[in-house]
Amino acid sequence: MTAPQKKTGPSLRKLENDLSVNKTTLHNWKQNRPKLYEFIIDSYQDRAALKENIMFLIDQKQKLEERISLEQKKVS
């Protein structure tokens, strides 16, 4: 397994549900408050990247634990 790749931002539908706003509000933020909108999108991208990295680390931990277990059985 390779390291995860950074993904694009969340869908408008996901933003609507998470922020409890409608699409019109999101479009207004994008046009009238671009820094706020960019911050929201960047936050979601960072969160997605962190989640992927954590899943990658958990997978690596499980592989290491299996390998340690096999080595302990060989020694015993």
PDB file of N, CA and C in Angstrom:
ATOM      1  N   MET A   1       0.844  -1.185   0.000  1.00  0.00           N
ATOM      2  CA  MET A   1       0.000   0.000   0.000  1.00  0.00           C
ATOM      3  C   MET A   1       0.887   1.246   0.000  1.00  0.00           C
ATOM      4  N   THR A   2       0.525   2.201  -0.812  1.00  0.00           N
ATOM      5  CA  THR A   2       1.305   3.434  -0.897  1.00  0.00           C
ATOM      6  C   THR A   2       0.660   4.509  -0.044  1.00  0.00           C
ATOM      7  N   ALA A   3       1.394   5.576   0.148  1.00  0.00           N
ATOM      8  CA  ALA A   3       0.865   6.704   0.924  1.00  0.00           C
ATOM      9  C   ALA A   3      -0.331   7.312   0.194  1.00  0.00           C
ATOM     10  N   PRO A   4      -1.322   7.781   0.930  1.00  0.00           N
ATOM     11  CA  PRO A   4      -2.532   8.329   0.310  1.00  0.00           C
ATOM     12  C   PRO A   4      -2.257   9.631  -0.444  1.00  0.00           C
ATOM     13  N   GLN A   5      -3.098   9.877  -1.431  1.00  0.00           N
ATOM     14  CA  GLN A   5      -3.009  11.089  -2.232  1.00  0.00           C
ATOM     15  C   GLN A   5      -3.999  12.119  -1.718  1.00  0.00           C
ATOM     16  N   LYS A   6      -3.695  13.374  -1.911  1.00  0.00           N
ATOM     17  CA  LYS A   6      -4.587  14.442  -1.493  1.00  0.00           C
ATOM     18  C   LYS A   6      -5.751  14.531  -2.477  1.00  0.00           C
ATOM     19  N   LYS A   7      -6.967  14.653  -1.973  1.00  0.00           N
ATOM     20  CA  LYS A   7      -8.163  14.673  -2.809  1.00  0.00           C
ATOM     21  C   LYS A   7      -8.690  16.087  -2.973  1.00  0.00           C
ATOM     22  N   THR A   8      -9.702  16.190  -3.834  1.00  0.00           N
ATOM     23  CA  THR A   8     -10.354  17.478  -4.054  1.00  0.00           C
ATOM     24  C   THR A   8     -11.275  17.795  -2.886  1.00  0.00           C
ATOM     25  N   GLY A   9     -11.863  18.978  -2.908  1.00  0.00           N
ATOM     26  CA  GLY A   9     -12.731  19.422  -1.827  1.00  0.00           C
ATOM     27  C   GLY A   9     -14.033  18.642  -1.762  1.00  0.00           C
ATOM     28  N   PRO A  10     -14.795  18.869  -0.713  1.00  0.00           N
ATOM     29  CA  PRO A  10     -16.057  18.157  -0.521  1.00  0.00           C
ATOM     30  C   PRO A  10     -17.121  18.652  -1.491  1.00  0.00           C
ATOM     31  N   SER A  11     -18.138  17.847  -1.676  1.00  0.00           N
ATOM     32  CA  SER A  11     -19.240  18.252  -2.540  1.00  0.00           C
ATOM     33  C   SER A  11     -20.080  19.323  -1.849  1.00  0.00           C
ATOM     34  N   LEU A  12     -20.819  20.066  -2.649  1.00  0.00           N
ATOM     35  CA  LEU A  12     -21.693  21.086  -2.071  1.00  0.00           C
ATOM     36  C   LEU A  12     -22.736  20.453  -1.155  1.00  0.00           C
ATOM     37  N   ARG A  13     -23.207  19.282  -1.524  1.00  0.00           N
ATOM     38  CA  ARG A  13     -24.213  18.594  -0.702  1.00  0.00           C
ATOM     39  C   ARG A  13     -23.658  18.274   0.679  1.00  0.00           C
ATOM     40  N   LYS A  14     -22.410  17.799   0.717  1.00  0.00           N
ATOM     41  CA  LYS A  14     -21.790  17.492   2.011  1.00  0.00           C
ATOM     42  C   LYS A  14     -21.623  18.768   2.826  1.00  0.00           C
ATOM     43  N   LEU A  15     -21.185  19.841   2.183  1.00  0.00           N
ATOM     44  CA  LEU A  15     -21.047  21.115   2.892  1.00  0.00           C
ATOM     45  C   LEU A  15     -22.392  21.595   3.418  1.00  0.00           C
ATOM     46  N   GLU A  16     -23.429  21.443   2.612  1.00  0.00           N
ATOM     47  CA  GLU A  16     -24.775  21.848   3.058  1.00  0.00           C
ATOM     48  C   GLU A  16     -25.151  21.133   4.343  1.00  0.00           C
ATOM     49  N   ASN A  17     -24.954  19.824   4.349  1.00  0.00           N
ATOM     50  CA  ASN A  17     -25.335  19.033   5.523  1.00  0.00           C
ATOM     51  C   ASN A  17     -24.470  19.348   6.735  1.00  0.00           C
ATOM     52  N   ASP A  18     -23.177  19.438   6.543  1.00  0.00           N
ATOM     53  CA  ASP A  18     -22.261  19.656   7.661  1.00  0.00           C
ATOM     54  C   ASP A  18     -22.378  21.054   8.262  1.00  0.00           C
ATOM     55  N   LEU A  19     -22.605  22.056   7.412  1.00  0.00           N
ATOM     56  CA  LEU A  19     -22.646  23.435   7.883  1.00  0.00           C
ATOM     57  C   LEU A  19     -24.055  23.960   8.115  1.00  0.00           C
ATOM     58  N   SER A  20     -25.050  23.159   7.758  1.00  0.00           N
ATOM     59  CA  SER A  20     -26.468  23.551   7.902  1.00  0.00           C
ATOM     60  C   SER A  20     -26.776  24.850   7.156  1.00  0.00           C
ATOM     61  N   VAL A  21     -26.290  24.929   5.932  1.00  0.00           N
ATOM     62  CA  VAL A  21     -26.585  26.069   5.054  1.00  0.00           C
ATOM     63  C   VAL A  21     -27.033  25.516   3.705  1.00  0.00           C
ATOM     64  N   ASN A  22     -27.632  26.386   2.880  1.00  0.00           N
ATOM     65  CA  ASN A  22     -28.060  25.926   1.564  1.00  0.00           C
ATOM     66  C   ASN A  22     -27.035  26.291   0.491  1.00  0.00           C
ATOM     67  N   LYS A  23     -27.277  25.808  -0.735  1.00  0.00           N
ATOM     68  CA  LYS A  23     -26.322  26.033  -1.821  1.00  0.00           C
ATOM     69  C   LYS A  23     -26.167  27.512  -2.143  1.00  0.00           C
ATOM     70  N   THR A  24     -27.248  28.251  -2.031  1.00  0.00           N
ATOM     71  CA  THR A  24     -27.181  29.684  -2.318  1.00  0.00           C
ATOM     72  C   THR A  24     -26.199  30.372  -1.372  1.00  0.00           C
ATOM     73  N   THR A  25     -26.269  30.022  -0.101  1.00  0.00           N
ATOM     74  CA  THR A  25     -25.352  30.601   0.884  1.00  0.00           C
ATOM     75  C   THR A  25     -23.911  30.240   0.539  1.00  0.00           C
ATOM     76  N   LEU A  26     -23.696  28.987   0.162  1.00  0.00           N
ATOM     77  CA  LEU A  26     -22.344  28.567  -0.205  1.00  0.00           C
ATOM     78  C   LEU A  26     -21.832  29.337  -1.419  1.00  0.00           C
ATOM     79  N   HIS A  27     -22.688  29.506  -2.414  1.00  0.00           N
ATOM     80  CA  HIS A  27     -22.285  30.267  -3.603  1.00  0.00           C
ATOM     81  C   HIS A  27     -22.010  31.728  -3.247  1.00  0.00           C
ATOM     82  N   ASN A  28     -22.820  32.285  -2.352  1.00  0.00           N
ATOM     83  CA  ASN A  28     -22.588  33.668  -1.916  1.00  0.00           C
ATOM     84  C   ASN A  28     -21.252  33.793  -1.191  1.00  0.00           C
ATOM     85  N   TRP A  29     -20.950  32.822  -0.316  1.00  0.00           N
ATOM     86  CA  TRP A  29     -19.669  32.833   0.375  1.00  0.00           C
ATOM     87  C   TRP A  29     -18.523  32.757  -0.628  1.00  0.00           C
ATOM     88  N   LYS A  30     -18.697  31.893  -1.623  1.00  0.00           N
ATOM     89  CA  LYS A  30     -17.641  31.725  -2.617  1.00  0.00           C
ATOM     90  C   LYS A  30     -17.372  33.032  -3.362  1.00  0.00           C
ATOM     91  N   GLN A  31     -18.437  33.783  -3.671  1.00  0.00           N
ATOM     92  CA  GLN A  31     -18.287  35.038  -4.413  1.00  0.00           C
ATOM     93  C   GLN A  31     -17.919  36.214  -3.512  1.00  0.00           C
ATOM     94  N   ASN A  32     -18.595  36.335  -2.376  1.00  0.00           N
ATOM     95  CA  ASN A  32     -18.445  37.529  -1.540  1.00  0.00           C
ATOM     96  C   ASN A  32     -17.429  37.386  -0.414  1.00  0.00           C
ATOM     97  N   ARG A  33     -17.170  36.165   0.013  1.00  0.00           N
ATOM     98  CA  ARG A  33     -16.226  35.931   1.110  1.00  0.00           C
ATOM     99  C   ARG A  33     -15.275  34.791   0.719  1.00  0.00           C
ATOM    100  N   PRO A  34     -14.456  35.027  -0.299  1.00  0.00           N
ATOM    101  CA  PRO A  34     -13.614  33.946  -0.827  1.00  0.00           C
ATOM    102  C   PRO A  34     -12.636  33.361   0.187  1.00  0.00           C
ATOM    103  N   LYS A  35     -12.138  34.177   1.113  1.00  0.00           N
ATOM    104  CA  LYS A  35     -11.203  33.644   2.110  1.00  0.00           C
ATOM    105  C   LYS A  35     -11.898  32.662   3.051  1.00  0.00           C
ATOM    106  N   LEU A  36     -13.121  32.976   3.443  1.00  0.00           N
ATOM    107  CA  LEU A  36     -13.887  32.063   4.290  1.00  0.00           C
ATOM    108  C   LEU A  36     -14.152  30.755   3.552  1.00  0.00           C
ATOM    109  N   TYR A  37     -14.598  30.863   2.320  1.00  0.00           N
ATOM    110  CA  TYR A  37     -14.901  29.673   1.520  1.00  0.00           C
ATOM    111  C   TYR A  37     -13.634  28.828   1.318  1.00  0.00           C
ATOM    112  N   GLU A  38     -12.530  29.489   1.009  1.00  0.00           N
ATOM    113  CA  GLU A  38     -11.269  28.776   0.810  1.00  0.00           C
ATOM    114  C   GLU A  38     -10.826  28.082   2.102  1.00  0.00           C
ATOM    115  N   PHE A  39     -11.012  28.753   3.236  1.00  0.00           N
ATOM    116  CA  PHE A  39     -10.675  28.148   4.524  1.00  0.00           C
ATOM    117  C   PHE A  39     -11.503  26.890   4.778  1.00  0.00           C
ATOM    118  N   ILE A  40     -12.784  26.950   4.478  1.00  0.00           N
ATOM    119  CA  ILE A  40     -13.665  25.791   4.675  1.00  0.00           C
ATOM    120  C   ILE A  40     -13.207  24.626   3.807  1.00  0.00           C
ATOM    121  N   ILE A  41     -12.934  24.896   2.533  1.00  0.00           N
ATOM    122  CA  ILE A  41     -12.502  23.843   1.616  1.00  0.00           C
ATOM    123  C   ILE A  41     -11.164  23.261   2.059  1.00  0.00           C
ATOM    124  N   ASP A  42     -10.226  24.124   2.425  1.00  0.00           N
ATOM    125  CA  ASP A  42      -8.918  23.644   2.890  1.00  0.00           C
ATOM    126  C   ASP A  42      -9.053  22.789   4.141  1.00  0.00           C
ATOM    127  N   SER A  43      -9.955  23.168   5.034  1.00  0.00           N
ATOM    128  CA  SER A  43     -10.175  22.394   6.255  1.00  0.00           C
ATOM    129  C   SER A  43     -10.661  20.988   5.931  1.00  0.00           C
ATOM    130  N   TYR A  44     -11.565  20.896   4.975  1.00  0.00           N
ATOM    131  CA  TYR A  44     -12.064  19.575   4.585  1.00  0.00           C
ATOM    132  C   TYR A  44     -10.972  18.752   3.920  1.00  0.00           C
ATOM    133  N   GLN A  45     -10.148  19.384   3.090  1.00  0.00           N
ATOM    134  CA  GLN A  45      -9.063  18.656   2.432  1.00  0.00           C
ATOM    135  C   GLN A  45      -8.059  18.167   3.460  1.00  0.00           C
ATOM    136  N   ASP A  46      -7.728  19.018   4.441  1.00  0.00           N
ATOM    137  CA  ASP A  46      -6.803  18.619   5.495  1.00  0.00           C
ATOM    138  C   ASP A  46      -7.372  17.461   6.302  1.00  0.00           C
ATOM    139  N   ARG A  47      -8.663  17.545   6.613  1.00  0.00           N
ATOM    140  CA  ARG A  47      -9.309  16.490   7.389  1.00  0.00           C
ATOM    141  C   ARG A  47      -9.292  15.170   6.625  1.00  0.00           C
ATOM    142  N   ALA A  48      -9.569  15.231   5.317  1.00  0.00           N
ATOM    143  CA  ALA A  48      -9.558  14.014   4.504  1.00  0.00           C
ATOM    144  C   ALA A  48      -8.157  13.421   4.422  1.00  0.00           C
ATOM    145  N   ALA A  49      -7.160  14.278   4.258  1.00  0.00           N
ATOM    146  CA  ALA A  49      -5.780  13.798   4.187  1.00  0.00           C
ATOM    147  C   ALA A  49      -5.355  13.166   5.509  1.00  0.00           C
ATOM    148  N   LEU A  50      -5.718  13.787   6.619  1.00  0.00           N
ATOM    149  CA  LEU A  50      -5.379  13.228   7.934  1.00  0.00           C
ATOM    150  C   LEU A  50      -6.040  11.869   8.141  1.00  0.00           C
ATOM    151  N   LYS A  51      -7.293  11.757   7.728  1.00  0.00           N
ATOM    152  CA  LYS A  51      -7.998  10.488   7.879  1.00  0.00           C
ATOM    153  C   LYS A  51      -7.326   9.392   7.059  1.00  0.00           C
ATOM    154  N   GLU A  52      -6.927   9.712   5.830  1.00  0.00           N
ATOM    155  CA  GLU A  52      -6.248   8.731   4.995  1.00  0.00           C
ATOM    156  C   GLU A  52      -4.912   8.337   5.595  1.00  0.00           C
ATOM    157  N   ASN A  53      -4.180   9.311   6.113  1.00  0.00           N
ATOM    158  CA  ASN A  53      -2.892   9.003   6.731  1.00  0.00           C
ATOM    159  C   ASN A  53      -3.055   8.132   7.967  1.00  0.00           C
ATOM    160  N   ILE A  54      -4.073   8.403   8.754  1.00  0.00           N
ATOM    161  CA  ILE A  54      -4.334   7.576   9.941  1.00  0.00           C
ATOM    162  C   ILE A  54      -4.680   6.146   9.524  1.00  0.00           C
ATOM    163  N   MET A  55      -5.496   6.002   8.490  1.00  0.00           N
ATOM    164  CA  MET A  55      -5.849   4.659   8.024  1.00  0.00           C
ATOM    165  C   MET A  55      -4.606   3.927   7.513  1.00  0.00           C
ATOM    166  N   PHE A  56      -3.736   4.640   6.829  1.00  0.00           N
ATOM    167  CA  PHE A  56      -2.489   4.061   6.341  1.00  0.00           C
ATOM    168  C   PHE A  56      -1.624   3.597   7.518  1.00  0.00           C
ATOM    169  N   LEU A  57      -1.514   4.434   8.551  1.00  0.00           N
ATOM    170  CA  LEU A  57      -0.709   4.078   9.729  1.00  0.00           C
ATOM    171  C   LEU A  57      -1.302   2.885  10.478  1.00  0.00           C
ATOM    172  N   ILE A  58      -2.613   2.827  10.562  1.00  0.00           N
ATOM    173  CA  ILE A  58      -3.265   1.681  11.226  1.00  0.00           C
ATOM    174  C   ILE A  58      -2.966   0.397  10.469  1.00  0.00           C
ATOM    175  N   ASP A  59      -3.020   0.471   9.148  1.00  0.00           N
ATOM    176  CA  ASP A  59      -2.712  -0.694   8.316  1.00  0.00           C
ATOM    177  C   ASP A  59      -1.266  -1.135   8.536  1.00  0.00           C
ATOM    178  N   GLN A  60      -0.347  -0.186   8.571  1.00  0.00           N
ATOM    179  CA  GLN A  60       1.062  -0.509   8.800  1.00  0.00           C
ATOM    180  C   GLN A  60       1.264  -1.123  10.186  1.00  0.00           C
ATOM    181  N   LYS A  61       0.560  -0.606  11.179  1.00  0.00           N
ATOM    182  CA  LYS A  61       0.663  -1.137  12.543  1.00  0.00           C
ATOM    183  C   LYS A  61       0.206  -2.588  12.583  1.00  0.00           C
ATOM    184  N   GLN A  62      -0.893  -2.883  11.901  1.00  0.00           N
ATOM    185  CA  GLN A  62      -1.412  -4.253  11.880  1.00  0.00           C
ATOM    186  C   GLN A  62      -0.418  -5.203  11.209  1.00  0.00           C
ATOM    187  N   LYS A  63       0.201  -4.752  10.142  1.00  0.00           N
ATOM    188  CA  LYS A  63       1.192  -5.588   9.455  1.00  0.00           C
ATOM    189  C   LYS A  63       2.390  -5.846  10.355  1.00  0.00           C
ATOM    190  N   LEU A  64       2.837  -4.809  11.068  1.00  0.00           N
ATOM    191  CA  LEU A  64       3.962  -4.975  11.988  1.00  0.00           C
ATOM    192  C   LEU A  64       3.608  -5.927  13.128  1.00  0.00           C
ATOM    193  N   GLU A  65       2.405  -5.804  13.665  1.00  0.00           N
ATOM    194  CA  GLU A  65       1.984  -6.695  14.743  1.00  0.00           C
ATOM    195  C   GLU A  65       1.935  -8.145  14.272  1.00  0.00           C
ATOM    196  N   GLU A  66       1.463  -8.367  13.051  1.00  0.00           N
ATOM    197  CA  GLU A  66       1.442  -9.727  12.503  1.00  0.00           C
ATOM    198  C   GLU A  66       2.861 -10.275  12.355  1.00  0.00           C
ATOM    199  N   ARG A  67       3.748  -9.436  11.868  1.00  0.00           N
ATOM    200  CA  ARG A  67       5.130  -9.856  11.679  1.00  0.00           C
ATOM    201  C   ARG A  67       5.793 -10.165  13.016  1.00  0.00           C
ATOM    202  N   ILE A  68       5.552  -9.332  14.013  1.00  0.00           N
ATOM    203  CA  ILE A  68       6.103  -9.572  15.352  1.00  0.00           C
ATOM    204  C   ILE A  68       5.564 -10.884  15.912  1.00  0.00           C
ATOM    205  N   SER A  69       4.281 -11.111  15.715  1.00  0.00           N
ATOM    206  CA  SER A  69       3.665 -12.345  16.200  1.00  0.00           C
ATOM    207  C   SER A  69       4.309 -13.566  15.543  1.00  0.00           C
ATOM    208  N   LEU A  70       4.544 -13.484  14.232  1.00  0.00           N
ATOM    209  CA  LEU A  70       5.182 -14.612  13.531  1.00  0.00           C
ATOM    210  C   LEU A  70       6.594 -14.837  14.058  1.00  0.00           C
ATOM    211  N   GLU A  71       7.331 -13.767  14.287  1.00  0.00           N
ATOM    212  CA  GLU A  71       8.697 -13.888  14.793  1.00  0.00           C
ATOM    213  C   GLU A  71       8.722 -14.493  16.195  1.00  0.00           C
ATOM    214  N   GLN A  72       7.737 -14.096  17.030  1.00  0.00           N
ATOM    215  CA  GLN A  72       7.661 -14.651  18.385  1.00  0.00           C
ATOM    216  C   GLN A  72       7.350 -16.143  18.346  1.00  0.00           C
ATOM    217  N   LYS A  73       6.521 -16.556  17.412  1.00  0.00           N
ATOM    218  CA  LYS A  73       6.212 -17.992  17.277  1.00  0.00           C
ATOM    219  C   LYS A  73       7.450 -18.758  16.829  1.00  0.00           C
ATOM    220  N   LYS A  74       8.252 -18.170  15.964  1.00  0.00           N
ATOM    221  CA  LYS A  74       9.469 -18.830  15.494  1.00  0.00           C
ATOM    222  C   LYS A  74      10.457 -19.006  16.639  1.00  0.00           C
ATOM    223  N   VAL A  75      10.566 -17.990  17.494  1.00  0.00           N
ATOM    224  CA  VAL A  75      11.517 -18.033  18.617  1.00  0.00           C
ATOM    225  C   VAL A  75      11.052 -19.023  19.678  1.00  0.00           C
ATOM    226  N   SER A  76       9.755 -19.120  19.907  1.00  0.00           N
ATOM    227  CA  SER A  76       9.216 -19.992  20.959  1.00  0.00           C
ATOM    228  C   SER A  76       9.388 -21.464  20.631  1.00  0.00           C
TER     229      SER A  76
END
